[in-house]
Protein backbone atom coordinates (compact mmCIF):
# COMPACT_ATOMS: atom_id res chain seq x y z
CA MET A 1 8.92 -10.16 -6.31
CA LYS A 2 11.29 -11.85 -8.30
CA ASN A 3 12.62 -9.39 -11.56
CA SER A 4 10.70 -6.57 -9.96
CA PRO A 5 12.49 -3.14 -10.96
CA LYS A 6 14.01 -1.11 -8.46
CA HIS A 7 10.85 0.14 -6.16
CA ASP A 8 12.49 3.64 -5.87
CA LYS A 9 12.01 4.34 -9.56
CA LEU A 10 8.51 3.32 -9.33
CA GLY A 11 6.66 6.42 -7.13
CA LEU A 12 4.82 4.09 -5.13
CA LEU A 13 2.41 5.18 -2.28
CA HIS A 14 1.55 2.95 0.28
CA GLU A 15 -1.94 3.64 2.16
CA ALA A 16 -3.89 1.79 4.71
CA GLU A 17 -7.51 2.36 5.97
CA VAL A 18 -7.89 0.22 9.21
CA ALA A 19 -11.27 -0.74 11.24
CA PRO A 20 -10.95 0.17 14.79
CA ASN A 21 -10.85 -3.68 15.65
CA ALA A 22 -7.80 -4.34 13.72
CA GLN A 23 -5.87 -1.26 14.62
CA THR A 24 -3.47 -2.82 17.14
CA ARG A 25 -2.76 -5.78 15.03
CA PHE A 26 -1.84 -3.61 12.20
CA GLU A 27 0.10 -1.23 14.35
CA ASN A 28 2.06 -3.93 16.21
CA ARG A 29 3.01 -5.56 12.81
CA TYR A 30 3.96 -2.03 11.13
CA ARG A 31 6.07 -0.96 14.28
CA LYS A 32 8.01 -4.33 13.97
CA ALA A 33 8.63 -3.98 10.18
CA ALA A 34 9.52 -0.35 9.93
CA GLY A 35 11.08 0.27 13.57
CA HIS A 36 8.33 3.13 14.26
CA SER A 37 5.15 3.60 15.66
CA VAL A 38 1.98 4.87 13.82
CA SER A 39 -1.26 5.73 14.88
CA PRO A 40 -4.42 7.07 12.77
CA GLY A 41 -3.73 10.02 11.06
CA SER A 42 0.05 9.82 11.66
CA PRO A 43 1.20 9.53 9.07
CA ALA A 44 -1.85 10.84 7.22
CA TYR A 45 -1.64 7.92 4.56
CA TYR A 46 -3.03 5.43 7.93
CA GLN A 47 -6.64 6.22 8.30
CA GLY A 48 -8.83 4.56 10.84
CA GLN A 49 -12.22 3.57 8.78
CA LEU A 50 -15.21 2.89 10.76
CA ASN A 51 -16.85 1.35 7.83
CA LYS A 52 -14.20 -1.35 7.21
CA TRP A 53 -14.26 -4.97 8.66
CA GLY A 54 -10.32 -5.42 8.80
CA SER A 55 -7.75 -3.65 6.73
CA GLU A 56 -7.86 -1.95 3.18
CA LEU A 57 -4.14 -1.86 2.28
CA ARG A 58 -3.46 0.13 -1.40
CA VAL A 59 -0.50 0.76 -3.17
CA TYR A 60 -0.81 3.40 -5.81
CA PHE A 61 1.74 3.92 -9.08
CA ASN A 62 1.92 5.12 -12.42
CA ASP A 63 3.94 2.91 -14.13
CA PRO A 64 2.33 0.52 -16.41
CA GLY A 65 5.04 -2.17 -16.52
CA PHE A 66 5.07 -2.44 -12.74
CA ALA A 67 1.41 -3.04 -13.44
CA SER A 68 1.84 -5.86 -15.78
CA LEU A 69 4.30 -7.34 -13.34
CA VAL A 70 1.49 -7.14 -10.49
CA GLU A 71 -1.12 -8.76 -12.53
CA GLY A 72 1.27 -11.42 -13.85
CA HIS A 73 1.61 -12.45 -9.91
CA GLY A 74 -2.06 -12.60 -9.83
CA VAL A 75 -2.85 -9.54 -7.94
CA ASN A 76 -5.68 -7.25 -9.50
CA VAL A 77 -4.31 -3.84 -10.62
CA GLU A 78 -7.26 -1.31 -10.65
CA TYR A 79 -7.25 1.38 -13.57
CA ARG A 80 -9.37 4.71 -13.57
CA ARG A 81 -9.41 7.31 -16.71
CA LYS A 82 -9.46 10.29 -14.14
CA GLY A 83 -6.68 8.37 -12.16
CA TYR A 84 -6.72 8.14 -7.97
CA ARG A 85 -5.81 10.68 -5.47
CA SER A 86 -6.69 13.67 -7.59
CA GLY A 87 -5.58 12.03 -10.74
CA GLU A 88 -1.86 11.76 -9.10
CA TYR A 89 -1.73 7.79 -9.83
CA ARG A 90 -2.95 5.77 -12.89
CA PHE A 91 -3.11 2.65 -11.13
CA ARG A 92 -3.47 0.88 -7.61
CA PHE A 93 -3.85 -2.60 -6.41
CA ASN A 94 -5.42 -3.49 -2.99
CA ASP A 95 -3.68 -6.68 -1.66
CA ASN A 96 -2.61 -7.19 1.91
CA ARG A 97 -0.41 -9.53 1.29
CA LEU A 98 1.48 -7.96 -1.43
CA TRP A 99 1.53 -4.37 0.46
CA TRP A 100 3.15 -6.31 3.71
CA LYS A 101 5.75 -7.81 1.69
CA LEU A 102 6.94 -4.67 0.25
CA VAL A 103 6.68 -3.50 3.80
CA GLU A 104 8.41 -6.15 5.47
CA VAL A 105 10.78 -7.52 2.85
CA SER A 106 11.45 -4.48 0.66
CA GLY A 107 11.58 -1.80 3.35
CA LEU A 108 8.71 0.30 1.95
CA ARG A 109 6.84 2.27 4.19
CA LEU A 110 3.48 4.32 4.53
CA GLY A 111 3.33 7.33 2.29
CA PRO A 112 5.21 8.22 -0.86
CA ASN A 113 8.52 5.50 -1.38
């Protein structure tokens, strides 16, 4: 994203929940971008989910400025008063295209960044 703040200052957490029929495609793409293999549960931020139709790729964070920036690019940012992941994060978005852009272009990885 143009004009985005340095991602290493944002405390982003990348998480993936992927249906069994989409795991091979996800794992191949991730390996190509990250240079290492993943499998459900390794790392813990990649989970296989039987109740999904494809991939649900999320990014969690706390920076309201980043939330505004992401929303300005047409991505829906969710906010829950109690927070996400046991209150550790205030915001999240579910946008596969932006998730992959952050991985493939910005070098972010599953888990804390």
